[in-house]
């Protein structure tokens, strides 16, 4: 039986990251970290208390992030990130199972290796091989 890989993160597009951060802070108490241009103006959000290596303390809880909307990209909708042990093997499994990679794996500094894909149903998801610290 193939090892199950858990959902470890969510992502959503944001038109206005300041407005988005304010909304989720006021509505749900989430904490936002607005990253700079060197990180693609990504915003990480903490939705649950974290411990070592910013891992959620509550089993099953996940944190997430928001990326800037790009009008020319039609794959910008809420998405899940699946944690994997080996991104190369997992990317090959995505393709051999009928999915389509959206580029090559890239390094997110201090986080891990990451690549997005389209599944057989047209959904955009991503896989992440976290760096072991």
C-alpha atoms as a PDB file:
ATOM      1  CA  UNK A   1       0.000   0.000   0.000  1.00  0.00           C
ATOM      2  CA  UNK A   2       1.350   3.429  -0.977  1.00  0.00           C
ATOM      3  CA  UNK A   3       2.220   5.779   1.899  1.00  0.00           C
ATOM      4  CA  UNK A   4      -0.355   8.551   2.382  1.00  0.00           C
ATOM      5  CA  UNK A   5       0.896  12.139   2.015  1.00  0.00           C
ATOM      6  CA  UNK A   6      -0.941  14.719   4.164  1.00  0.00           C
ATOM      7  CA  UNK A   7      -2.286  18.141   3.248  1.00  0.00           C
ATOM      8  CA  UNK A   8       0.145  20.528   4.964  1.00  0.00           C
ATOM      9  CA  UNK A   9      -0.751  24.004   3.667  1.00  0.00           C
ATOM     10  CA  UNK A  10      -3.409  25.899   1.740  1.00  0.00           C
ATOM     11  CA  UNK A  11      -3.011  28.716  -0.772  1.00  0.00           C
ATOM     12  CA  UNK A  12      -5.383  31.310  -2.165  1.00  0.00           C
ATOM     13  CA  UNK A  13      -5.003  34.287  -4.490  1.00  0.00           C
ATOM     14  CA  UNK A  14      -5.331  37.828  -3.160  1.00  0.00           C
ATOM     15  CA  UNK A  15      -5.960  41.016  -5.139  1.00  0.00           C
ATOM     16  CA  UNK A  16      -4.929  43.284  -2.243  1.00  0.00           C
ATOM     17  CA  UNK A  17      -2.671  41.625   0.313  1.00  0.00           C
ATOM     18  CA  UNK A  18      -3.033  44.392   2.916  1.00  0.00           C
ATOM     19  CA  UNK A  19      -6.835  44.242   2.721  1.00  0.00           C
ATOM     20  CA  UNK A  20      -6.730  40.424   2.808  1.00  0.00           C
ATOM     21  CA  UNK A  21      -4.419  40.337   5.859  1.00  0.00           C
ATOM     22  CA  UNK A  22      -6.650  42.818   7.688  1.00  0.00           C
ATOM     23  CA  UNK A  23      -9.793  40.833   6.863  1.00  0.00           C
ATOM     24  CA  UNK A  24      -8.472  37.465   8.103  1.00  0.00           C
ATOM     25  CA  UNK A  25      -6.946  39.059  11.182  1.00  0.00           C
ATOM     26  CA  UNK A  26     -10.176  40.796  12.145  1.00  0.00           C
ATOM     27  CA  UNK A  27     -12.545  37.986  11.127  1.00  0.00           C
ATOM     28  CA  UNK A  28     -10.582  34.943  12.352  1.00  0.00           C
ATOM     29  CA  UNK A  29      -7.587  36.156  14.377  1.00  0.00           C
ATOM     30  CA  UNK A  30      -5.029  34.897  11.832  1.00  0.00           C
ATOM     31  CA  UNK A  31      -1.513  36.364  11.847  1.00  0.00           C
ATOM     32  CA  UNK A  32      -0.015  37.435   8.517  1.00  0.00           C
ATOM     33  CA  UNK A  33       3.582  37.852   7.399  1.00  0.00           C
ATOM     34  CA  UNK A  34       3.836  39.950   4.241  1.00  0.00           C
ATOM     35  CA  UNK A  35       6.950  38.771   2.387  1.00  0.00           C
ATOM     36  CA  UNK A  36       8.852  40.961  -0.062  1.00  0.00           C
ATOM     37  CA  UNK A  37       9.408  40.919  -3.792  1.00  0.00           C
ATOM     38  CA  UNK A  38      12.262  38.410  -3.400  1.00  0.00           C
ATOM     39  CA  UNK A  39       9.581  35.931  -2.198  1.00  0.00           C
ATOM     40  CA  UNK A  40       7.024  36.883  -4.859  1.00  0.00           C
ATOM     41  CA  UNK A  41       5.053  39.165  -2.493  1.00  0.00           C
ATOM     42  CA  UNK A  42       3.665  36.016  -0.899  1.00  0.00           C
ATOM     43  CA  UNK A  43       1.813  36.323   2.410  1.00  0.00           C
ATOM     44  CA  UNK A  44       2.067  33.521   4.942  1.00  0.00           C
ATOM     45  CA  UNK A  45      -0.814  33.158   7.392  1.00  0.00           C
ATOM     46  CA  UNK A  46      -0.760  31.419  10.743  1.00  0.00           C
ATOM     47  CA  UNK A  47      -4.190  30.014  11.544  1.00  0.00           C
ATOM     48  CA  UNK A  48      -3.270  27.943  14.588  1.00  0.00           C
ATOM     49  CA  UNK A  49      -0.612  28.057  17.315  1.00  0.00           C
ATOM     50  CA  UNK A  50       2.729  26.671  16.182  1.00  0.00           C
ATOM     51  CA  UNK A  51       5.746  25.131  17.842  1.00  0.00           C
ATOM     52  CA  UNK A  52       9.134  24.006  16.617  1.00  0.00           C
ATOM     53  CA  UNK A  53       9.837  24.898  12.955  1.00  0.00           C
ATOM     54  CA  UNK A  54       6.449  26.706  12.826  1.00  0.00           C
ATOM     55  CA  UNK A  55       4.602  23.384  12.761  1.00  0.00           C
ATOM     56  CA  UNK A  56       0.973  23.485  14.000  1.00  0.00           C
ATOM     57  CA  UNK A  57       0.549  22.192  17.551  1.00  0.00           C
ATOM     58  CA  UNK A  58      -3.014  20.958  16.926  1.00  0.00           C
ATOM     59  CA  UNK A  59      -3.157  17.656  14.998  1.00  0.00           C
ATOM     60  CA  UNK A  60      -4.855  18.153  11.638  1.00  0.00           C
ATOM     61  CA  UNK A  61      -4.562  21.953  11.668  1.00  0.00           C
ATOM     62  CA  UNK A  62      -2.702  23.672   8.828  1.00  0.00           C
ATOM     63  CA  UNK A  63      -1.453  27.149   8.040  1.00  0.00           C
ATOM     64  CA  UNK A  64      -1.442  28.763   4.642  1.00  0.00           C
ATOM     65  CA  UNK A  65      -0.597  31.601   2.372  1.00  0.00           C
ATOM     66  CA  UNK A  66      -1.840  34.010  -0.259  1.00  0.00           C
ATOM     67  CA  UNK A  67      -0.208  34.835  -3.565  1.00  0.00           C
ATOM     68  CA  UNK A  68      -0.775  37.873  -5.799  1.00  0.00           C
ATOM     69  CA  UNK A  69      -3.468  37.568  -8.445  1.00  0.00           C
ATOM     70  CA  UNK A  70      -2.128  37.402 -11.988  1.00  0.00           C
ATOM     71  CA  UNK A  71      -5.012  38.151 -14.384  1.00  0.00           C
ATOM     72  CA  UNK A  72      -3.363  36.215 -17.232  1.00  0.00           C
ATOM     73  CA  UNK A  73      -3.213  33.001 -15.153  1.00  0.00           C
ATOM     74  CA  UNK A  74      -6.408  30.930 -15.170  1.00  0.00           C
ATOM     75  CA  UNK A  75      -5.204  28.568 -12.406  1.00  0.00           C
ATOM     76  CA  UNK A  76      -5.608  31.108  -9.621  1.00  0.00           C
ATOM     77  CA  UNK A  77      -8.098  29.721  -7.157  1.00  0.00           C
ATOM     78  CA  UNK A  78      -7.885  28.184  -3.678  1.00  0.00           C
ATOM     79  CA  UNK A  79      -5.482  25.283  -3.604  1.00  0.00           C
ATOM     80  CA  UNK A  80      -4.014  22.684  -1.252  1.00  0.00           C
ATOM     81  CA  UNK A  81      -0.366  21.766  -0.716  1.00  0.00           C
ATOM     82  CA  UNK A  82       0.510  18.112  -0.105  1.00  0.00           C
ATOM     83  CA  UNK A  83       3.617  17.247   1.894  1.00  0.00           C
ATOM     84  CA  UNK A  84       5.879  14.624   0.307  1.00  0.00           C
ATOM     85  CA  UNK A  85       9.164  12.958   1.242  1.00  0.00           C
ATOM     86  CA  UNK A  86      10.673  13.015  -2.265  1.00  0.00           C
ATOM     87  CA  UNK A  87       9.493  15.696  -4.672  1.00  0.00           C
ATOM     88  CA  UNK A  88      11.121  14.068  -7.719  1.00  0.00           C
ATOM     89  CA  UNK A  89       9.349  10.748  -7.136  1.00  0.00           C
ATOM     90  CA  UNK A  90       6.071  12.472  -6.302  1.00  0.00           C
ATOM     91  CA  UNK A  91       6.251  14.698  -9.410  1.00  0.00           C
ATOM     92  CA  UNK A  92       6.845  11.599 -11.539  1.00  0.00           C
ATOM     93  CA  UNK A  93       3.837   9.915  -9.866  1.00  0.00           C
ATOM     94  CA  UNK A  94       1.665  12.974 -10.634  1.00  0.00           C
ATOM     95  CA  UNK A  95       2.590  12.792 -14.326  1.00  0.00           C
ATOM     96  CA  UNK A  96       2.322   8.993 -14.611  1.00  0.00           C
ATOM     97  CA  UNK A  97      -1.109   9.159 -12.949  1.00  0.00           C
ATOM     98  CA  UNK A  98      -2.432  11.643 -15.524  1.00  0.00           C
ATOM     99  CA  UNK A  99      -1.595  15.004 -13.929  1.00  0.00           C
ATOM    100  CA  UNK A 100       0.388  17.875 -15.449  1.00  0.00           C
ATOM    101  CA  UNK A 101       3.223  19.712 -13.708  1.00  0.00           C
ATOM    102  CA  UNK A 102       3.195  23.517 -13.869  1.00  0.00           C
ATOM    103  CA  UNK A 103       6.952  23.907 -14.204  1.00  0.00           C
ATOM    104  CA  UNK A 104       9.877  22.368 -12.384  1.00  0.00           C
ATOM    105  CA  UNK A 105      10.330  22.112  -8.613  1.00  0.00           C
ATOM    106  CA  UNK A 106      11.727  25.321  -7.104  1.00  0.00           C
ATOM    107  CA  UNK A 107      13.352  26.000  -3.764  1.00  0.00           C
ATOM    108  CA  UNK A 108      11.473  28.126  -1.257  1.00  0.00           C
ATOM    109  CA  UNK A 109      14.295  29.417   0.959  1.00  0.00           C
ATOM    110  CA  UNK A 110      14.130  27.948   4.432  1.00  0.00           C
ATOM    111  CA  UNK A 111      11.010  25.911   3.608  1.00  0.00           C
ATOM    112  CA  UNK A 112      11.612  23.242   0.969  1.00  0.00           C
ATOM    113  CA  UNK A 113      11.158  22.220  -2.661  1.00  0.00           C
ATOM    114  CA  UNK A 114       7.808  23.066  -4.272  1.00  0.00           C
ATOM    115  CA  UNK A 115       5.953  22.582  -7.544  1.00  0.00           C
ATOM    116  CA  UNK A 116       2.325  23.036  -8.589  1.00  0.00           C
ATOM    117  CA  UNK A 117       0.353  20.687 -10.789  1.00  0.00           C
ATOM    118  CA  UNK A 118      -3.050  20.189 -12.404  1.00  0.00           C
ATOM    119  CA  UNK A 119      -4.828  16.973 -11.451  1.00  0.00           C
ATOM    120  CA  UNK A 120      -6.996  14.869 -13.766  1.00  0.00           C
ATOM    121  CA  UNK A 121     -10.048  16.966 -12.810  1.00  0.00           C
ATOM    122  CA  UNK A 122      -8.484  20.342 -13.652  1.00  0.00           C
ATOM    123  CA  UNK A 123      -7.737  21.321 -10.037  1.00  0.00           C
ATOM    124  CA  UNK A 124      -4.517  23.176  -9.210  1.00  0.00           C
ATOM    125  CA  UNK A 125      -2.609  21.706  -6.257  1.00  0.00           C
ATOM    126  CA  UNK A 126       1.009  21.687  -5.155  1.00  0.00           C
ATOM    127  CA  UNK A 127       3.500  19.345  -3.563  1.00  0.00           C
ATOM    128  CA  UNK A 128       6.140  20.351  -1.029  1.00  0.00           C
ATOM    129  CA  UNK A 129       9.191  18.451   0.155  1.00  0.00           C
ATOM    130  CA  UNK A 130      10.033  20.283   3.388  1.00  0.00           C
ATOM    131  CA  UNK A 131      13.656  20.806   4.355  1.00  0.00           C
ATOM    132  CA  UNK A 132      14.529  18.807   7.442  1.00  0.00           C
ATOM    133  CA  UNK A 133      15.967  21.122  10.071  1.00  0.00           C
END
